[in-house]
Amino acid sequence: MTNNELSFQSYAKRVTALAPQAQIKTSSNSAYFDMPYTNGQFGSDKDQVQLTFGTSVKGKWR
């Protein structure tokens, strides 16, 4: 959605898939292959999810 809002003003309960747009890398530019864990119902309106990686990473997500 272009306005970054969930349909029907719902809560973000869980993440069912992640789609990186490019390779996820560590701060030293090494490839990172481990999956993050997620927390749903994050943020003041509970409409966000939080990804937590085992180390500092950089990359882009859809």
PDB file of N, CA and C in Angstrom:
ATOM      1  N   MET A   1       0.839  -1.173   0.000  1.00  0.00           N
ATOM      2  CA  MET A   1       0.000   0.000   0.000  1.00  0.00           C
ATOM      3  C   MET A   1       0.887   1.240   0.000  1.00  0.00           C
ATOM      4  N   THR A   2       0.492   2.249  -0.682  1.00  0.00           N
ATOM      5  CA  THR A   2       1.344   3.431  -0.816  1.00  0.00           C
ATOM      6  C   THR A   2       1.348   4.324   0.405  1.00  0.00           C
ATOM      7  N   ASN A   3       0.339   4.245   1.258  1.00  0.00           N
ATOM      8  CA  ASN A   3       0.293   5.125   2.422  1.00  0.00           C
ATOM      9  C   ASN A   3       0.869   4.473   3.682  1.00  0.00           C
ATOM     10  N   ASN A   4       1.478   3.307   3.563  1.00  0.00           N
ATOM     11  CA  ASN A   4       2.116   2.582   4.667  1.00  0.00           C
ATOM     12  C   ASN A   4       1.151   2.238   5.794  1.00  0.00           C
ATOM     13  N   GLU A   5      -0.105   2.061   5.503  1.00  0.00           N
ATOM     14  CA  GLU A   5      -1.081   1.673   6.501  1.00  0.00           C
ATOM     15  C   GLU A   5      -1.597   0.278   6.195  1.00  0.00           C
ATOM     16  N   LEU A   6      -1.949  -0.432   7.239  1.00  0.00           N
ATOM     17  CA  LEU A   6      -2.536  -1.744   7.066  1.00  0.00           C
ATOM     18  C   LEU A   6      -4.005  -1.612   6.663  1.00  0.00           C
ATOM     19  N   SER A   7      -4.499  -2.598   5.958  1.00  0.00           N
ATOM     20  CA  SER A   7      -5.914  -2.609   5.564  1.00  0.00           C
ATOM     21  C   SER A   7      -6.809  -2.621   6.789  1.00  0.00           C
ATOM     22  N   PHE A   8      -7.894  -1.918   6.744  1.00  0.00           N
ATOM     23  CA  PHE A   8      -8.911  -1.914   7.789  1.00  0.00           C
ATOM     24  C   PHE A   8      -8.361  -1.470   9.147  1.00  0.00           C
ATOM     25  N   GLN A   9      -7.285  -0.697   9.170  1.00  0.00           N
ATOM     26  CA  GLN A   9      -6.655  -0.209  10.399  1.00  0.00           C
ATOM     27  C   GLN A   9      -6.395  -1.341  11.388  1.00  0.00           C
ATOM     28  N   SER A  10      -5.854  -2.468  10.891  1.00  0.00           N
ATOM     29  CA  SER A  10      -5.637  -3.637  11.724  1.00  0.00           C
ATOM     30  C   SER A  10      -4.306  -3.604  12.457  1.00  0.00           C
ATOM     31  N   TYR A  11      -4.124  -4.614  13.317  1.00  0.00           N
ATOM     32  CA  TYR A  11      -2.863  -4.798  14.036  1.00  0.00           C
ATOM     33  C   TYR A  11      -1.925  -5.652  13.200  1.00  0.00           C
ATOM     34  N   ALA A  12      -0.625  -5.430  13.368  1.00  0.00           N
ATOM     35  CA  ALA A  12       0.388  -6.275  12.729  1.00  0.00           C
ATOM     36  C   ALA A  12       0.728  -7.387  13.714  1.00  0.00           C
ATOM     37  N   LYS A  13       0.086  -8.535  13.566  1.00  0.00           N
ATOM     38  CA  LYS A  13       0.246  -9.604  14.556  1.00  0.00           C
ATOM     39  C   LYS A  13       1.492 -10.452  14.335  1.00  0.00           C
ATOM     40  N   ARG A  14       1.815 -10.756  13.086  1.00  0.00           N
ATOM     41  CA  ARG A  14       2.960 -11.647  12.830  1.00  0.00           C
ATOM     42  C   ARG A  14       3.498 -11.417  11.426  1.00  0.00           C
ATOM     43  N   VAL A  15       4.697 -11.911  11.212  1.00  0.00           N
ATOM     44  CA  VAL A  15       5.343 -11.845   9.903  1.00  0.00           C
ATOM     45  C   VAL A  15       5.339 -13.251   9.335  1.00  0.00           C
ATOM     46  N   THR A  16       4.827 -13.398   8.111  1.00  0.00           N
ATOM     47  CA  THR A  16       4.794 -14.720   7.488  1.00  0.00           C
ATOM     48  C   THR A  16       5.863 -14.882   6.413  1.00  0.00           C
ATOM     49  N   ALA A  17       6.475 -13.779   5.983  1.00  0.00           N
ATOM     50  CA  ALA A  17       7.523 -13.861   4.969  1.00  0.00           C
ATOM     51  C   ALA A  17       8.370 -12.592   5.001  1.00  0.00           C
ATOM     52  N   LEU A  18       9.633 -12.735   4.652  1.00  0.00           N
ATOM     53  CA  LEU A  18      10.554 -11.609   4.497  1.00  0.00           C
ATOM     54  C   LEU A  18      11.114 -11.663   3.092  1.00  0.00           C
ATOM     55  N   ALA A  19      11.280 -10.506   2.466  1.00  0.00           N
ATOM     56  CA  ALA A  19      11.795 -10.471   1.103  1.00  0.00           C
ATOM     57  C   ALA A  19      12.866  -9.389   0.977  1.00  0.00           C
ATOM     58  N   PRO A  20      14.126  -9.728   1.232  1.00  0.00           N
ATOM     59  CA  PRO A  20      15.170  -8.721   1.050  1.00  0.00           C
ATOM     60  C   PRO A  20      15.316  -8.381  -0.433  1.00  0.00           C
ATOM     61  N   GLN A  21      15.569  -7.111  -0.728  1.00  0.00           N
ATOM     62  CA  GLN A  21      15.732  -6.680  -2.114  1.00  0.00           C
ATOM     63  C   GLN A  21      17.137  -6.964  -2.633  1.00  0.00           C
ATOM     64  N   ALA A  22      18.074  -7.175  -1.730  1.00  0.00           N
ATOM     65  CA  ALA A  22      19.454  -7.494  -2.100  1.00  0.00           C
ATOM     66  C   ALA A  22      20.068  -8.277  -0.943  1.00  0.00           C
ATOM     67  N   GLN A  23      21.300  -8.678  -1.104  1.00  0.00           N
ATOM     68  CA  GLN A  23      21.966  -9.445  -0.063  1.00  0.00           C
ATOM     69  C   GLN A  23      22.083  -8.634   1.235  1.00  0.00           C
ATOM     70  N   ILE A  24      21.763  -9.258   2.352  1.00  0.00           N
ATOM     71  CA  ILE A  24      21.912  -8.629   3.658  1.00  0.00           C
ATOM     72  C   ILE A  24      23.368  -8.792   4.075  1.00  0.00           C
ATOM     73  N   LYS A  25      23.958  -7.699   4.545  1.00  0.00           N
ATOM     74  CA  LYS A  25      25.382  -7.724   4.894  1.00  0.00           C
ATOM     75  C   LYS A  25      25.609  -7.213   6.304  1.00  0.00           C
ATOM     76  N   THR A  26      26.699  -7.663   6.908  1.00  0.00           N
ATOM     77  CA  THR A  26      27.086  -7.178   8.225  1.00  0.00           C
ATOM     78  C   THR A  26      27.784  -5.837   8.076  1.00  0.00           C
ATOM     79  N   SER A  27      28.138  -5.228   9.204  1.00  0.00           N
ATOM     80  CA  SER A  27      28.812  -3.934   9.156  1.00  0.00           C
ATOM     81  C   SER A  27      30.192  -4.020   8.501  1.00  0.00           C
ATOM     82  N   SER A  28      30.765  -5.242   8.442  1.00  0.00           N
ATOM     83  CA  SER A  28      32.061  -5.422   7.775  1.00  0.00           C
ATOM     84  C   SER A  28      31.896  -5.877   6.325  1.00  0.00           C
ATOM     85  N   ASN A  29      30.684  -5.747   5.766  1.00  0.00           N
ATOM     86  CA  ASN A  29      30.350  -6.097   4.375  1.00  0.00           C
ATOM     87  C   ASN A  29      30.403  -7.587   4.072  1.00  0.00           C
ATOM     88  N   SER A  30      30.319  -8.439   5.086  1.00  0.00           N
ATOM     89  CA  SER A  30      30.234  -9.882   4.878  1.00  0.00           C
ATOM     90  C   SER A  30      28.769 -10.270   4.705  1.00  0.00           C
ATOM     91  N   ALA A  31      28.531 -11.319   3.936  1.00  0.00           N
ATOM     92  CA  ALA A  31      27.151 -11.801   3.752  1.00  0.00           C
ATOM     93  C   ALA A  31      26.602 -12.316   5.076  1.00  0.00           C
ATOM     94  N   TYR A  32      25.322 -12.066   5.326  1.00  0.00           N
ATOM     95  CA  TYR A  32      24.650 -12.506   6.547  1.00  0.00           C
ATOM     96  C   TYR A  32      23.509 -13.425   6.145  1.00  0.00           C
ATOM     97  N   PHE A  33      23.494 -14.641   6.677  1.00  0.00           N
ATOM     98  CA  PHE A  33      22.516 -15.638   6.245  1.00  0.00           C
ATOM     99  C   PHE A  33      21.506 -16.037   7.310  1.00  0.00           C
ATOM    100  N   ASP A  34      21.709 -15.669   8.568  1.00  0.00           N
ATOM    101  CA  ASP A  34      20.783 -16.049   9.631  1.00  0.00           C
ATOM    102  C   ASP A  34      19.489 -15.249   9.526  1.00  0.00           C
ATOM    103  N   MET A  35      18.403 -15.852   9.961  1.00  0.00           N
ATOM    104  CA  MET A  35      17.101 -15.184   9.923  1.00  0.00           C
ATOM    105  C   MET A  35      16.885 -14.394  11.209  1.00  0.00           C
ATOM    106  N   PRO A  36      16.213 -13.256  11.112  1.00  0.00           N
ATOM    107  CA  PRO A  36      15.875 -12.504  12.322  1.00  0.00           C
ATOM    108  C   PRO A  36      14.637 -13.109  12.988  1.00  0.00           C
ATOM    109  N   TYR A  37      14.407 -12.732  14.220  1.00  0.00           N
ATOM    110  CA  TYR A  37      13.108 -13.055  14.814  1.00  0.00           C
ATOM    111  C   TYR A  37      12.269 -11.787  14.793  1.00  0.00           C
ATOM    112  N   THR A  38      10.977 -11.957  14.899  1.00  0.00           N
ATOM    113  CA  THR A  38      10.067 -10.823  14.737  1.00  0.00           C
ATOM    114  C   THR A  38       9.186 -10.635  15.966  1.00  0.00           C
ATOM    115  N   ASN A  39       8.777  -9.402  16.182  1.00  0.00           N
ATOM    116  CA  ASN A  39       7.791  -9.055  17.204  1.00  0.00           C
ATOM    117  C   ASN A  39       6.676  -8.295  16.506  1.00  0.00           C
ATOM    118  N   GLY A  40       5.457  -8.776  16.645  1.00  0.00           N
ATOM    119  CA  GLY A  40       4.313  -8.093  16.066  1.00  0.00           C
ATOM    120  C   GLY A  40       3.697  -7.114  17.047  1.00  0.00           C
ATOM    121  N   GLN A  41       2.706  -6.401  16.590  1.00  0.00           N
ATOM    122  CA  GLN A  41       1.990  -5.403  17.378  1.00  0.00           C
ATOM    123  C   GLN A  41       2.957  -4.438  18.050  1.00  0.00           C
ATOM    124  N   PHE A  42       3.836  -3.878  17.245  1.00  0.00           N
ATOM    125  CA  PHE A  42       4.858  -2.955  17.716  1.00  0.00           C
ATOM    126  C   PHE A  42       4.448  -1.538  17.334  1.00  0.00           C
ATOM    127  N   GLY A  43       4.908  -0.561  18.060  1.00  0.00           N
ATOM    128  CA  GLY A  43       4.586   0.832  17.780  1.00  0.00           C
ATOM    129  C   GLY A  43       3.349   1.287  18.533  1.00  0.00           C
ATOM    130  N   SER A  44       3.106   2.581  18.537  1.00  0.00           N
ATOM    131  CA  SER A  44       2.007   3.147  19.321  1.00  0.00           C
ATOM    132  C   SER A  44       0.633   2.673  18.851  1.00  0.00           C
ATOM    133  N   ASP A  45       0.493   2.395  17.559  1.00  0.00           N
ATOM    134  CA  ASP A  45      -0.788   1.908  17.036  1.00  0.00           C
ATOM    135  C   ASP A  45      -0.796   0.398  16.824  1.00  0.00           C
ATOM    136  N   LYS A  46       0.271  -0.267  17.229  1.00  0.00           N
ATOM    137  CA  LYS A  46       0.418  -1.723  17.071  1.00  0.00           C
ATOM    138  C   LYS A  46       0.284  -2.149  15.616  1.00  0.00           C
ATOM    139  N   ASP A  47       0.702  -1.286  14.692  1.00  0.00           N
ATOM    140  CA  ASP A  47       0.577  -1.570  13.262  1.00  0.00           C
ATOM    141  C   ASP A  47       1.943  -1.759  12.604  1.00  0.00           C
ATOM    142  N   GLN A  48       2.961  -2.057  13.410  1.00  0.00           N
ATOM    143  CA  GLN A  48       4.314  -2.264  12.899  1.00  0.00           C
ATOM    144  C   GLN A  48       4.849  -3.588  13.417  1.00  0.00           C
ATOM    145  N   VAL A  49       5.866  -4.099  12.743  1.00  0.00           N
ATOM    146  CA  VAL A  49       6.590  -5.263  13.237  1.00  0.00           C
ATOM    147  C   VAL A  49       8.048  -4.873  13.420  1.00  0.00           C
ATOM    148  N   GLN A  50       8.719  -5.562  14.319  1.00  0.00           N
ATOM    149  CA  GLN A  50      10.133  -5.292  14.589  1.00  0.00           C
ATOM    150  C   GLN A  50      10.927  -6.528  14.217  1.00  0.00           C
ATOM    151  N   LEU A  51      11.976  -6.347  13.418  1.00  0.00           N
ATOM    152  CA  LEU A  51      12.891  -7.425  13.073  1.00  0.00           C
ATOM    153  C   LEU A  51      14.128  -7.294  13.957  1.00  0.00           C
ATOM    154  N   THR A  52      14.561  -8.399  14.554  1.00  0.00           N
ATOM    155  CA  THR A  52      15.757  -8.386  15.387  1.00  0.00           C
ATOM    156  C   THR A  52      16.743  -9.403  14.837  1.00  0.00           C
ATOM    157  N   PHE A  53      17.904  -8.909  14.426  1.00  0.00           N
ATOM    158  CA  PHE A  53      18.967  -9.750  13.892  1.00  0.00           C
ATOM    159  C   PHE A  53      19.973 -10.049  14.993  1.00  0.00           C
ATOM    160  N   GLY A  54      20.771 -11.089  14.821  1.00  0.00           N
ATOM    161  CA  GLY A  54      21.774 -11.481  15.802  1.00  0.00           C
ATOM    162  C   GLY A  54      22.984 -10.567  15.826  1.00  0.00           C
ATOM    163  N   THR A  55      23.131  -9.717  14.829  1.00  0.00           N
ATOM    164  CA  THR A  55      24.240  -8.779  14.752  1.00  0.00           C
ATOM    165  C   THR A  55      23.775  -7.558  13.949  1.00  0.00           C
ATOM    166  N   SER A  56      24.558  -6.508  13.927  1.00  0.00           N
ATOM    167  CA  SER A  56      24.216  -5.335  13.123  1.00  0.00           C
ATOM    168  C   SER A  56      24.292  -5.694  11.645  1.00  0.00           C
ATOM    169  N   VAL A  57      23.250  -5.365  10.896  1.00  0.00           N
ATOM    170  CA  VAL A  57      23.209  -5.663   9.467  1.00  0.00           C
ATOM    171  C   VAL A  57      22.726  -4.441   8.698  1.00  0.00           C
ATOM    172  N   LYS A  58      22.906  -4.510   7.377  1.00  0.00           N
ATOM    173  CA  LYS A  58      22.365  -3.481   6.503  1.00  0.00           C
ATOM    174  C   LYS A  58      21.782  -4.145   5.282  1.00  0.00           C
ATOM    175  N   GLY A  59      20.746  -3.537   4.726  1.00  0.00           N
ATOM    176  CA  GLY A  59      20.072  -4.085   3.570  1.00  0.00           C
ATOM    177  C   GLY A  59      18.746  -3.389   3.379  1.00  0.00           C
ATOM    178  N   LYS A  60      18.008  -3.767   2.330  1.00  0.00           N
ATOM    179  CA  LYS A  60      16.709  -3.174   2.031  1.00  0.00           C
ATOM    180  C   LYS A  60      15.664  -4.267   1.988  1.00  0.00           C
ATOM    181  N   TRP A  61      14.453  -3.945   2.492  1.00  0.00           N
ATOM    182  CA  TRP A  61      13.339  -4.881   2.535  1.00  0.00           C
ATOM    183  C   TRP A  61      12.152  -4.290   1.807  1.00  0.00           C
ATOM    184  N   ARG A  62      11.322  -5.152   1.254  1.00  0.00           N
ATOM    185  CA  ARG A  62      10.084  -4.714   0.611  1.00  0.00           C
ATOM    186  C   ARG A  62       8.992  -4.691   1.632  1.00  0.00           C
TER     187      ARG A  62
END
